[in-house]
Amino acid sequence: MTSSFTPEEALEQLKKLRLSIDNIDNALIHILAERFRLTQSVGELKATYHMPAADHQREAQQIMRLREMAKSAHLNPDFAEKFLNFIIKEVIQHHKAIAEQKEKQ
């Protein structure tokens, strides 16, 4: 993306790039919110039927799938795995909290 911009054109290009990044961040937040709404429902179902909060087989499959997607998208698979592991950890914590809440009822 190197080009011979004037300083003013470079600043304008920077603004455009940052606007695009902001738009992507906005989409990511909304996608994550929707994902967590769905995993909330999964947690409710698991708690109701006394299923474990974690499903290590599913997690391993998801990590393998995500690593392959990352490779095909030219994204570092290690980064993608770290990102998914962070999400999985949060989801499991939510599922445990839901189960504890249901036990108290």
PDB file of N, CA and C in Angstrom:
ATOM      1  N   MET A   1       0.821  -1.177   0.000  1.00  0.00           N
ATOM      2  CA  MET A   1       0.000   0.000   0.000  1.00  0.00           C
ATOM      3  C   MET A   1       0.870   1.247   0.000  1.00  0.00           C
ATOM      4  N   THR A   2       2.139   1.092  -0.254  1.00  0.00           N
ATOM      5  CA  THR A   2       2.994   2.273  -0.297  1.00  0.00           C
ATOM      6  C   THR A   2       2.709   3.076  -1.551  1.00  0.00           C
ATOM      7  N   SER A   3       2.719   4.352  -1.372  1.00  0.00           N
ATOM      8  CA  SER A   3       2.447   5.266  -2.468  1.00  0.00           C
ATOM      9  C   SER A   3       3.116   6.588  -2.135  1.00  0.00           C
ATOM     10  N   SER A   4       3.136   7.454  -3.102  1.00  0.00           N
ATOM     11  CA  SER A   4       3.755   8.755  -2.834  1.00  0.00           C
ATOM     12  C   SER A   4       2.654   9.771  -2.550  1.00  0.00           C
ATOM     13  N   PHE A   5       2.214   9.781  -1.303  1.00  0.00           N
ATOM     14  CA  PHE A   5       1.208  10.726  -0.849  1.00  0.00           C
ATOM     15  C   PHE A   5       1.882  12.019  -0.411  1.00  0.00           C
ATOM     16  N   THR A   6       1.162  13.089  -0.548  1.00  0.00           N
ATOM     17  CA  THR A   6       1.573  14.309   0.137  1.00  0.00           C
ATOM     18  C   THR A   6       1.234  14.094   1.614  1.00  0.00           C
ATOM     19  N   PRO A   7       1.816  14.886   2.502  1.00  0.00           N
ATOM     20  CA  PRO A   7       1.461  14.722   3.919  1.00  0.00           C
ATOM     21  C   PRO A   7      -0.047  14.849   4.172  1.00  0.00           C
ATOM     22  N   GLU A   8      -0.709  15.745   3.465  1.00  0.00           N
ATOM     23  CA  GLU A   8      -2.156  15.920   3.626  1.00  0.00           C
ATOM     24  C   GLU A   8      -2.908  14.684   3.128  1.00  0.00           C
ATOM     25  N   GLU A   9      -2.479  14.144   1.989  1.00  0.00           N
ATOM     26  CA  GLU A   9      -3.119  12.933   1.446  1.00  0.00           C
ATOM     27  C   GLU A   9      -2.882  11.737   2.369  1.00  0.00           C
ATOM     28  N   ALA A  10      -1.695  11.684   2.957  1.00  0.00           N
ATOM     29  CA  ALA A  10      -1.387  10.596   3.893  1.00  0.00           C
ATOM     30  C   ALA A  10      -2.310  10.668   5.106  1.00  0.00           C
ATOM     31  N   LEU A  11      -2.544  11.873   5.621  1.00  0.00           N
ATOM     32  CA  LEU A  11      -3.464  12.023   6.752  1.00  0.00           C
ATOM     33  C   LEU A  11      -4.883  11.635   6.371  1.00  0.00           C
ATOM     34  N   GLU A  12      -5.304  12.001   5.177  1.00  0.00           N
ATOM     35  CA  GLU A  12      -6.648  11.635   4.707  1.00  0.00           C
ATOM     36  C   GLU A  12      -6.761  10.115   4.560  1.00  0.00           C
ATOM     37  N   GLN A  13      -5.731   9.493   4.006  1.00  0.00           N
ATOM     38  CA  GLN A  13      -5.719   8.036   3.866  1.00  0.00           C
ATOM     39  C   GLN A  13      -5.762   7.368   5.241  1.00  0.00           C
ATOM     40  N   LEU A  14      -5.031   7.905   6.191  1.00  0.00           N
ATOM     41  CA  LEU A  14      -5.030   7.382   7.553  1.00  0.00           C
ATOM     42  C   LEU A  14      -6.428   7.455   8.162  1.00  0.00           C
ATOM     43  N   LYS A  15      -7.118   8.587   7.959  1.00  0.00           N
ATOM     44  CA  LYS A  15      -8.494   8.731   8.453  1.00  0.00           C
ATOM     45  C   LYS A  15      -9.410   7.667   7.857  1.00  0.00           C
ATOM     46  N   LYS A  16      -9.298   7.439   6.552  1.00  0.00           N
ATOM     47  CA  LYS A  16     -10.138   6.445   5.883  1.00  0.00           C
ATOM     48  C   LYS A  16      -9.866   5.043   6.410  1.00  0.00           C
ATOM     49  N   LEU A  17      -8.593   4.718   6.569  1.00  0.00           N
ATOM     50  CA  LEU A  17      -8.234   3.396   7.094  1.00  0.00           C
ATOM     51  C   LEU A  17      -8.766   3.208   8.515  1.00  0.00           C
ATOM     52  N   ARG A  18      -8.606   4.229   9.333  1.00  0.00           N
ATOM     53  CA  ARG A  18      -9.090   4.139  10.713  1.00  0.00           C
ATOM     54  C   ARG A  18     -10.605   4.031  10.775  1.00  0.00           C
ATOM     55  N   LEU A  19     -11.301   4.702   9.873  1.00  0.00           N
ATOM     56  CA  LEU A  19     -12.750   4.591   9.820  1.00  0.00           C
ATOM     57  C   LEU A  19     -13.155   3.157   9.483  1.00  0.00           C
ATOM     58  N   SER A  20     -12.463   2.561   8.548  1.00  0.00           N
ATOM     59  CA  SER A  20     -12.745   1.163   8.199  1.00  0.00           C
ATOM     60  C   SER A  20     -12.463   0.242   9.383  1.00  0.00           C
ATOM     61  N   ILE A  21     -11.375   0.487  10.090  1.00  0.00           N
ATOM     62  CA  ILE A  21     -11.054  -0.311  11.284  1.00  0.00           C
ATOM     63  C   ILE A  21     -12.145  -0.144  12.339  1.00  0.00           C
ATOM     64  N   ASP A  22     -12.602   1.080  12.545  1.00  0.00           N
ATOM     65  CA  ASP A  22     -13.681   1.330  13.508  1.00  0.00           C
ATOM     66  C   ASP A  22     -14.953   0.590  13.116  1.00  0.00           C
ATOM     67  N   ASN A  23     -15.256   0.569  11.838  1.00  0.00           N
ATOM     68  CA  ASN A  23     -16.444  -0.155  11.365  1.00  0.00           C
ATOM     69  C   ASN A  23     -16.314  -1.653  11.624  1.00  0.00           C
ATOM     70  N   ILE A  24     -15.137  -2.194  11.398  1.00  0.00           N
ATOM     71  CA  ILE A  24     -14.902  -3.620  11.657  1.00  0.00           C
ATOM     72  C   ILE A  24     -15.016  -3.900  13.154  1.00  0.00           C
ATOM     73  N   ASP A  25     -14.443  -3.037  13.976  1.00  0.00           N
ATOM     74  CA  ASP A  25     -14.559  -3.208  15.432  1.00  0.00           C
ATOM     75  C   ASP A  25     -16.024  -3.217  15.854  1.00  0.00           C
ATOM     76  N   ASN A  26     -16.813  -2.331  15.280  1.00  0.00           N
ATOM     77  CA  ASN A  26     -18.242  -2.277  15.576  1.00  0.00           C
ATOM     78  C   ASN A  26     -18.911  -3.605  15.210  1.00  0.00           C
ATOM     79  N   ALA A  27     -18.598  -4.118  14.037  1.00  0.00           N
ATOM     80  CA  ALA A  27     -19.176  -5.396  13.604  1.00  0.00           C
ATOM     81  C   ALA A  27     -18.730  -6.531  14.522  1.00  0.00           C
ATOM     82  N   LEU A  28     -17.458  -6.534  14.914  1.00  0.00           N
ATOM     83  CA  LEU A  28     -16.955  -7.583  15.818  1.00  0.00           C
ATOM     84  C   LEU A  28     -17.707  -7.585  17.144  1.00  0.00           C
ATOM     85  N   ILE A  29     -17.932  -6.411  17.695  1.00  0.00           N
ATOM     86  CA  ILE A  29     -18.647  -6.323  18.972  1.00  0.00           C
ATOM     87  C   ILE A  29     -20.063  -6.876  18.833  1.00  0.00           C
ATOM     88  N   HIS A  30     -20.742  -6.521  17.749  1.00  0.00           N
ATOM     89  CA  HIS A  30     -22.101  -7.021  17.548  1.00  0.00           C
ATOM     90  C   HIS A  30     -22.113  -8.529  17.311  1.00  0.00           C
ATOM     91  N   ILE A  31     -21.149  -9.032  16.588  1.00  0.00           N
ATOM     92  CA  ILE A  31     -21.056 -10.479  16.353  1.00  0.00           C
ATOM     93  C   ILE A  31     -20.768 -11.206  17.669  1.00  0.00           C
ATOM     94  N   LEU A  32     -19.846 -10.668  18.464  1.00  0.00           N
ATOM     95  CA  LEU A  32     -19.557 -11.292  19.758  1.00  0.00           C
ATOM     96  C   LEU A  32     -20.779 -11.258  20.675  1.00  0.00           C
ATOM     97  N   ALA A  33     -21.510 -10.152  20.662  1.00  0.00           N
ATOM     98  CA  ALA A  33     -22.724 -10.070  21.478  1.00  0.00           C
ATOM     99  C   ALA A  33     -23.724 -11.140  21.063  1.00  0.00           C
ATOM    100  N   GLU A  34     -23.892 -11.325  19.785  1.00  0.00           N
ATOM    101  CA  GLU A  34     -24.827 -12.361  19.301  1.00  0.00           C
ATOM    102  C   GLU A  34     -24.323 -13.744  19.683  1.00  0.00           C
ATOM    103  N   ARG A  35     -23.023 -13.971  19.565  1.00  0.00           N
ATOM    104  CA  ARG A  35     -22.454 -15.271  19.932  1.00  0.00           C
ATOM    105  C   ARG A  35     -22.713 -15.555  21.411  1.00  0.00           C
ATOM    106  N   PHE A  36     -22.507 -14.553  22.259  1.00  0.00           N
ATOM    107  CA  PHE A  36     -22.713 -14.762  23.694  1.00  0.00           C
ATOM    108  C   PHE A  36     -24.199 -14.914  24.041  1.00  0.00           C
ATOM    109  N   ARG A  37     -25.081 -14.298  23.281  1.00  0.00           N
ATOM    110  CA  ARG A  37     -26.516 -14.539  23.494  1.00  0.00           C
ATOM    111  C   ARG A  37     -26.836 -16.010  23.214  1.00  0.00           C
ATOM    112  N   LEU A  38     -26.239 -16.546  22.154  1.00  0.00           N
ATOM    113  CA  LEU A  38     -26.473 -17.961  21.817  1.00  0.00           C
ATOM    114  C   LEU A  38     -25.856 -18.890  22.854  1.00  0.00           C
ATOM    115  N   THR A  39     -24.634 -18.571  23.295  1.00  0.00           N
ATOM    116  CA  THR A  39     -24.014 -19.441  24.295  1.00  0.00           C
ATOM    117  C   THR A  39     -24.736 -19.337  25.644  1.00  0.00           C
ATOM    118  N   GLN A  40     -25.400 -18.233  25.888  1.00  0.00           N
ATOM    119  CA  GLN A  40     -26.236 -18.109  27.084  1.00  0.00           C
ATOM    120  C   GLN A  40     -27.359 -19.149  27.021  1.00  0.00           C
ATOM    121  N   SER A  41     -27.966 -19.291  25.866  1.00  0.00           N
ATOM    122  CA  SER A  41     -29.024 -20.294  25.688  1.00  0.00           C
ATOM    123  C   SER A  41     -28.467 -21.706  25.845  1.00  0.00           C
ATOM    124  N   VAL A  42     -27.268 -21.923  25.336  1.00  0.00           N
ATOM    125  CA  VAL A  42     -26.615 -23.222  25.504  1.00  0.00           C
ATOM    126  C   VAL A  42     -26.403 -23.489  26.995  1.00  0.00           C
ATOM    127  N   GLY A  43     -25.935 -22.489  27.717  1.00  0.00           N
ATOM    128  CA  GLY A  43     -25.715 -22.632  29.159  1.00  0.00           C
ATOM    129  C   GLY A  43     -26.998 -22.948  29.905  1.00  0.00           C
ATOM    130  N   GLU A  44     -28.091 -22.298  29.522  1.00  0.00           N
ATOM    131  CA  GLU A  44     -29.398 -22.583  30.137  1.00  0.00           C
ATOM    132  C   GLU A  44     -29.796 -24.036  29.900  1.00  0.00           C
ATOM    133  N   LEU A  45     -29.616 -24.485  28.666  1.00  0.00           N
ATOM    134  CA  LEU A  45     -29.965 -25.868  28.312  1.00  0.00           C
ATOM    135  C   LEU A  45     -29.101 -26.855  29.092  1.00  0.00           C
ATOM    136  N   LYS A  46     -27.807 -26.601  29.138  1.00  0.00           N
ATOM    137  CA  LYS A  46     -26.902 -27.483  29.876  1.00  0.00           C
ATOM    138  C   LYS A  46     -27.267 -27.527  31.359  1.00  0.00           C
ATOM    139  N   ALA A  47     -27.559 -26.381  31.934  1.00  0.00           N
ATOM    140  CA  ALA A  47     -27.894 -26.334  33.357  1.00  0.00           C
ATOM    141  C   ALA A  47     -29.201 -27.062  33.636  1.00  0.00           C
ATOM    142  N   THR A  48     -30.177 -26.874  32.779  1.00  0.00           N
ATOM    143  CA  THR A  48     -31.475 -27.511  32.968  1.00  0.00           C
ATOM    144  C   THR A  48     -31.357 -29.034  32.932  1.00  0.00           C
ATOM    145  N   TYR A  49     -30.509 -29.541  32.059  1.00  0.00           N
ATOM    146  CA  TYR A  49     -30.373 -30.993  31.882  1.00  0.00           C
ATOM    147  C   TYR A  49     -29.090 -31.544  32.507  1.00  0.00           C
ATOM    148  N   HIS A  50     -28.506 -30.762  33.413  1.00  0.00           N
ATOM    149  CA  HIS A  50     -27.343 -31.189  34.202  1.00  0.00           C
ATOM    150  C   HIS A  50     -26.192 -31.699  33.334  1.00  0.00           C
ATOM    151  N   MET A  51     -25.919 -30.969  32.275  1.00  0.00           N
ATOM    152  CA  MET A  51     -24.783 -31.278  31.410  1.00  0.00           C
ATOM    153  C   MET A  51     -23.580 -30.480  31.896  1.00  0.00           C
ATOM    154  N   PRO A  52     -22.371 -30.984  31.670  1.00  0.00           N
ATOM    155  CA  PRO A  52     -21.189 -30.234  32.118  1.00  0.00           C
ATOM    156  C   PRO A  52     -21.038 -28.913  31.362  1.00  0.00           C
ATOM    157  N   ALA A  53     -20.472 -27.937  32.043  1.00  0.00           N
ATOM    158  CA  ALA A  53     -20.276 -26.612  31.444  1.00  0.00           C
ATOM    159  C   ALA A  53     -19.306 -26.672  30.268  1.00  0.00           C
ATOM    160  N   ALA A  54     -18.293 -27.519  30.387  1.00  0.00           N
ATOM    161  CA  ALA A  54     -17.280 -27.638  29.334  1.00  0.00           C
ATOM    162  C   ALA A  54     -17.509 -28.902  28.525  1.00  0.00           C
ATOM    163  N   ASP A  55     -17.198 -28.825  27.250  1.00  0.00           N
ATOM    164  CA  ASP A  55     -17.240 -29.978  26.343  1.00  0.00           C
ATOM    165  C   ASP A  55     -15.906 -29.994  25.611  1.00  0.00           C
ATOM    166  N   HIS A  56     -14.946 -30.701  26.195  1.00  0.00           N
ATOM    167  CA  HIS A  56     -13.575 -30.659  25.685  1.00  0.00           C
ATOM    168  C   HIS A  56     -13.453 -31.199  24.265  1.00  0.00           C
ATOM    169  N   GLN A  57     -14.272 -32.180  23.919  1.00  0.00           N
ATOM    170  CA  GLN A  57     -14.230 -32.708  22.547  1.00  0.00           C
ATOM    171  C   GLN A  57     -14.693 -31.636  21.560  1.00  0.00           C
ATOM    172  N   ARG A  58     -15.772 -30.972  21.867  1.00  0.00           N
ATOM    173  CA  ARG A  58     -16.286 -29.886  21.012  1.00  0.00           C
ATOM    174  C   ARG A  58     -15.261 -28.756  20.914  1.00  0.00           C
ATOM    175  N   GLU A  59     -14.645 -28.409  22.049  1.00  0.00           N
ATOM    176  CA  GLU A  59     -13.652 -27.335  22.046  1.00  0.00           C
ATOM    177  C   GLU A  59     -12.481 -27.678  21.129  1.00  0.00           C
ATOM    178  N   ALA A  60     -11.996 -28.909  21.212  1.00  0.00           N
ATOM    179  CA  ALA A  60     -10.872 -29.337  20.369  1.00  0.00           C
ATOM    180  C   ALA A  60     -11.254 -29.279  18.891  1.00  0.00           C
ATOM    181  N   GLN A  61     -12.476 -29.704  18.571  1.00  0.00           N
ATOM    182  CA  GLN A  61     -12.952 -29.644  17.178  1.00  0.00           C
ATOM    183  C   GLN A  61     -13.035 -28.200  16.705  1.00  0.00           C
ATOM    184  N   GLN A  62     -13.538 -27.326  17.554  1.00  0.00           N
ATOM    185  CA  GLN A  62     -13.670 -25.916  17.187  1.00  0.00           C
ATOM    186  C   GLN A  62     -12.298 -25.277  16.971  1.00  0.00           C
ATOM    187  N   ILE A  63     -11.356 -25.617  17.814  1.00  0.00           N
ATOM    188  CA  ILE A  63     -10.013 -25.057  17.669  1.00  0.00           C
ATOM    189  C   ILE A  63      -9.394 -25.512  16.355  1.00  0.00           C
ATOM    190  N   MET A  64      -9.513 -26.799  16.039  1.00  0.00           N
ATOM    191  CA  MET A  64      -8.975 -27.301  14.766  1.00  0.00           C
ATOM    192  C   MET A  64      -9.645 -26.601  13.587  1.00  0.00           C
ATOM    193  N   ARG A  65     -10.961 -26.465  13.648  1.00  0.00           N
ATOM    194  CA  ARG A  65     -11.722 -25.815  12.578  1.00  0.00           C
ATOM    195  C   ARG A  65     -11.303 -24.358  12.430  1.00  0.00           C
ATOM    196  N   LEU A  66     -11.165 -23.658  13.553  1.00  0.00           N
ATOM    197  CA  LEU A  66     -10.791 -22.256  13.512  1.00  0.00           C
ATOM    198  C   LEU A  66      -9.367 -22.073  12.985  1.00  0.00           C
ATOM    199  N   ARG A  67      -8.461 -22.968  13.359  1.00  0.00           N
ATOM    200  CA  ARG A  67      -7.080 -22.877  12.862  1.00  0.00           C
ATOM    201  C   ARG A  67      -7.065 -23.028  11.342  1.00  0.00           C
ATOM    202  N   GLU A  68      -7.868 -23.951  10.814  1.00  0.00           N
ATOM    203  CA  GLU A  68      -7.937 -24.128   9.355  1.00  0.00           C
ATOM    204  C   GLU A  68      -8.520 -22.895   8.679  1.00  0.00           C
ATOM    205  N   MET A  69      -9.573 -22.340   9.266  1.00  0.00           N
ATOM    206  CA  MET A  69     -10.152 -21.112   8.711  1.00  0.00           C
ATOM    207  C   MET A  69      -9.131 -19.984   8.717  1.00  0.00           C
ATOM    208  N   ALA A  70      -8.387 -19.876   9.814  1.00  0.00           N
ATOM    209  CA  ALA A  70      -7.378 -18.823   9.926  1.00  0.00           C
ATOM    210  C   ALA A  70      -6.322 -18.978   8.834  1.00  0.00           C
ATOM    211  N   LYS A  71      -5.861 -20.208   8.624  1.00  0.00           N
ATOM    212  CA  LYS A  71      -4.862 -20.440   7.578  1.00  0.00           C
ATOM    213  C   LYS A  71      -5.389 -19.988   6.225  1.00  0.00           C
ATOM    214  N   SER A  72      -6.615 -20.381   5.907  1.00  0.00           N
ATOM    215  CA  SER A  72      -7.160 -20.032   4.588  1.00  0.00           C
ATOM    216  C   SER A  72      -7.419 -18.526   4.463  1.00  0.00           C
ATOM    217  N   ALA A  73      -7.583 -17.842   5.598  1.00  0.00           N
ATOM    218  CA  ALA A  73      -7.800 -16.395   5.588  1.00  0.00           C
ATOM    219  C   ALA A  73      -6.495 -15.617   5.745  1.00  0.00           C
ATOM    220  N   HIS A  74      -5.377 -16.338   5.794  1.00  0.00           N
ATOM    221  CA  HIS A  74      -4.057 -15.721   5.969  1.00  0.00           C
ATOM    222  C   HIS A  74      -3.952 -14.972   7.299  1.00  0.00           C
ATOM    223  N   LEU A  75      -4.549 -15.584   8.326  1.00  0.00           N
ATOM    224  CA  LEU A  75      -4.458 -15.071   9.688  1.00  0.00           C
ATOM    225  C   LEU A  75      -3.623 -16.063  10.483  1.00  0.00           C
ATOM    226  N   ASN A  76      -2.804 -15.584  11.373  1.00  0.00           N
ATOM    227  CA  ASN A  76      -1.968 -16.458  12.180  1.00  0.00           C
ATOM    228  C   ASN A  76      -2.854 -17.430  12.973  1.00  0.00           C
ATOM    229  N   PRO A  77      -2.736 -18.749  12.718  1.00  0.00           N
ATOM    230  CA  PRO A  77      -3.577 -19.727  13.423  1.00  0.00           C
ATOM    231  C   PRO A  77      -3.368 -19.722  14.938  1.00  0.00           C
ATOM    232  N   ASP A  78      -2.147 -19.406  15.393  1.00  0.00           N
ATOM    233  CA  ASP A  78      -1.898 -19.344  16.832  1.00  0.00           C
ATOM    234  C   ASP A  78      -2.699 -18.208  17.467  1.00  0.00           C
ATOM    235  N   PHE A  79      -2.746 -17.072  16.777  1.00  0.00           N
ATOM    236  CA  PHE A  79      -3.544 -15.948  17.269  1.00  0.00           C
ATOM    237  C   PHE A  79      -5.021 -16.348  17.310  1.00  0.00           C
ATOM    238  N   ALA A  80      -5.511 -16.976  16.252  1.00  0.00           N
ATOM    239  CA  ALA A  80      -6.916 -17.392  16.195  1.00  0.00           C
ATOM    240  C   ALA A  80      -7.242 -18.355  17.337  1.00  0.00           C
ATOM    241  N   GLU A  81      -6.321 -19.267  17.616  1.00  0.00           N
ATOM    242  CA  GLU A  81      -6.542 -20.228  18.703  1.00  0.00           C
ATOM    243  C   GLU A  81      -6.583 -19.517  20.055  1.00  0.00           C
ATOM    244  N   LYS A  82      -5.675 -18.580  20.274  1.00  0.00           N
ATOM    245  CA  LYS A  82      -5.678 -17.827  21.532  1.00  0.00           C
ATOM    246  C   LYS A  82      -6.998 -17.072  21.702  1.00  0.00           C
ATOM    247  N   PHE A  83      -7.454 -16.484  20.616  1.00  0.00           N
ATOM    248  CA  PHE A  83      -8.706 -15.729  20.644  1.00  0.00           C
ATOM    249  C   PHE A  83      -9.875 -16.648  20.998  1.00  0.00           C
ATOM    250  N   LEU A  84      -9.939 -17.810  20.341  1.00  0.00           N
ATOM    251  CA  LEU A  84     -11.027 -18.747  20.621  1.00  0.00           C
ATOM    252  C   LEU A  84     -10.927 -19.288  22.046  1.00  0.00           C
ATOM    253  N   ASN A  85      -9.722 -19.574  22.509  1.00  0.00           N
ATOM    254  CA  ASN A  85      -9.562 -20.066  23.881  1.00  0.00           C
ATOM    255  C   ASN A  85     -10.054 -19.042  24.893  1.00  0.00           C
ATOM    256  N   PHE A  86      -9.808 -17.771  24.623  1.00  0.00           N
ATOM    257  CA  PHE A  86     -10.317 -16.720  25.501  1.00  0.00           C
ATOM    258  C   PHE A  86     -11.849 -16.748  25.540  1.00  0.00           C
ATOM    259  N   ILE A  87     -12.463 -16.863  24.372  1.00  0.00           N
ATOM    260  CA  ILE A  87     -13.931 -16.912  24.293  1.00  0.00           C
ATOM    261  C   ILE A  87     -14.462 -18.149  25.005  1.00  0.00           C
ATOM    262  N   ILE A  88     -13.838 -19.295  24.755  1.00  0.00           N
ATOM    263  CA  ILE A  88     -14.283 -20.550  25.389  1.00  0.00           C
ATOM    264  C   ILE A  88     -14.219 -20.418  26.910  1.00  0.00           C
ATOM    265  N   LYS A  89     -13.132 -19.857  27.418  1.00  0.00           N
ATOM    266  CA  LYS A  89     -12.988 -19.681  28.872  1.00  0.00           C
ATOM    267  C   LYS A  89     -14.134 -18.832  29.427  1.00  0.00           C
ATOM    268  N   GLU A  90     -14.461 -17.751  28.744  1.00  0.00           N
ATOM    269  CA  GLU A  90     -15.562 -16.885  29.177  1.00  0.00           C
ATOM    270  C   GLU A  90     -16.896 -17.629  29.143  1.00  0.00           C
ATOM    271  N   VAL A  91     -17.121 -18.370  28.077  1.00  0.00           N
ATOM    272  CA  VAL A  91     -18.376 -19.112  27.929  1.00  0.00           C
ATOM    273  C   VAL A  91     -18.527 -20.137  29.053  1.00  0.00           C
ATOM    274  N   ILE A  92     -17.460 -20.859  29.335  1.00  0.00           N
ATOM    275  CA  ILE A  92     -17.517 -21.871  30.404  1.00  0.00           C
ATOM    276  C   ILE A  92     -17.819 -21.209  31.745  1.00  0.00           C
ATOM    277  N   GLN A  93     -17.207 -20.061  32.010  1.00  0.00           N
ATOM    278  CA  GLN A  93     -17.501 -19.342  33.255  1.00  0.00           C
ATOM    279  C   GLN A  93     -18.974 -18.957  33.318  1.00  0.00           C
ATOM    280  N   HIS A  94     -19.506 -18.494  32.195  1.00  0.00           N
ATOM    281  CA  HIS A  94     -20.930 -18.143  32.150  1.00  0.00           C
ATOM    282  C   HIS A  94     -21.793 -19.375  32.389  1.00  0.00           C
ATOM    283  N   HIS A  95     -21.439 -20.497  31.768  1.00  0.00           N
ATOM    284  CA  HIS A  95     -22.221 -21.725  31.937  1.00  0.00           C
ATOM    285  C   HIS A  95     -22.200 -22.187  33.393  1.00  0.00           C
ATOM    286  N   LYS A  96     -21.054 -22.088  34.038  1.00  0.00           N
ATOM    287  CA  LYS A  96     -20.956 -22.466  35.452  1.00  0.00           C
ATOM    288  C   LYS A  96     -21.821 -21.557  36.310  1.00  0.00           C
ATOM    289  N   ALA A  97     -21.809 -20.274  36.028  1.00  0.00           N
ATOM    290  CA  ALA A  97     -22.633 -19.323  36.786  1.00  0.00           C
ATOM    291  C   ALA A  97     -24.114 -19.609  36.595  1.00  0.00           C
ATOM    292  N   ILE A  98     -24.507 -19.939  35.378  1.00  0.00           N
ATOM    293  CA  ILE A  98     -25.912 -20.273  35.109  1.00  0.00           C
ATOM    294  C   ILE A  98     -26.307 -21.521  35.893  1.00  0.00           C
ATOM    295  N   ALA A  99     -25.442 -22.533  35.885  1.00  0.00           N
ATOM    296  CA  ALA A  99     -25.720 -23.778  36.597  1.00  0.00           C
ATOM    297  C   ALA A  99     -25.842 -23.521  38.100  1.00  0.00           C
ATOM    298  N   GLU A 100     -24.959 -22.703  38.655  1.00  0.00           N
ATOM    299  CA  GLU A 100     -25.019 -22.376  40.075  1.00  0.00           C
ATOM    300  C   GLU A 100     -26.323 -21.646  40.422  1.00  0.00           C
ATOM    301  N   GLN A 101     -26.720 -20.757  39.540  1.00  0.00           N
ATOM    302  CA  GLN A 101     -27.968 -20.013  39.740  1.00  0.00           C
ATOM    303  C   GLN A 101     -29.162 -20.964  39.732  1.00  0.00           C
ATOM    304  N   LYS A 102     -29.160 -21.900  38.796  1.00  0.00           N
ATOM    305  CA  LYS A 102     -30.273 -22.847  38.695  1.00  0.00           C
ATOM    306  C   LYS A 102     -30.331 -23.747  39.927  1.00  0.00           C
ATOM    307  N   GLU A 103     -29.171 -24.107  40.464  1.00  0.00           N
ATOM    308  CA  GLU A 103     -29.133 -24.954  41.658  1.00  0.00           C
ATOM    309  C   GLU A 103     -29.750 -24.254  42.845  1.00  0.00           C
ATOM    310  N   LYS A 104     -29.610 -22.932  42.920  1.00  0.00           N
ATOM    311  CA  LYS A 104     -30.144 -22.150  44.031  1.00  0.00           C
ATOM    312  C   LYS A 104     -31.661 -21.999  43.959  1.00  0.00           C
ATOM    313  N   GLN A 105     -32.212 -22.201  42.769  1.00  0.00           N
ATOM    314  CA  GLN A 105     -33.660 -21.988  42.581  1.00  0.00           C
ATOM    315  C   GLN A 105     -34.460 -23.155  43.083  1.00  0.00           C
TER     316      GLN A 105
END
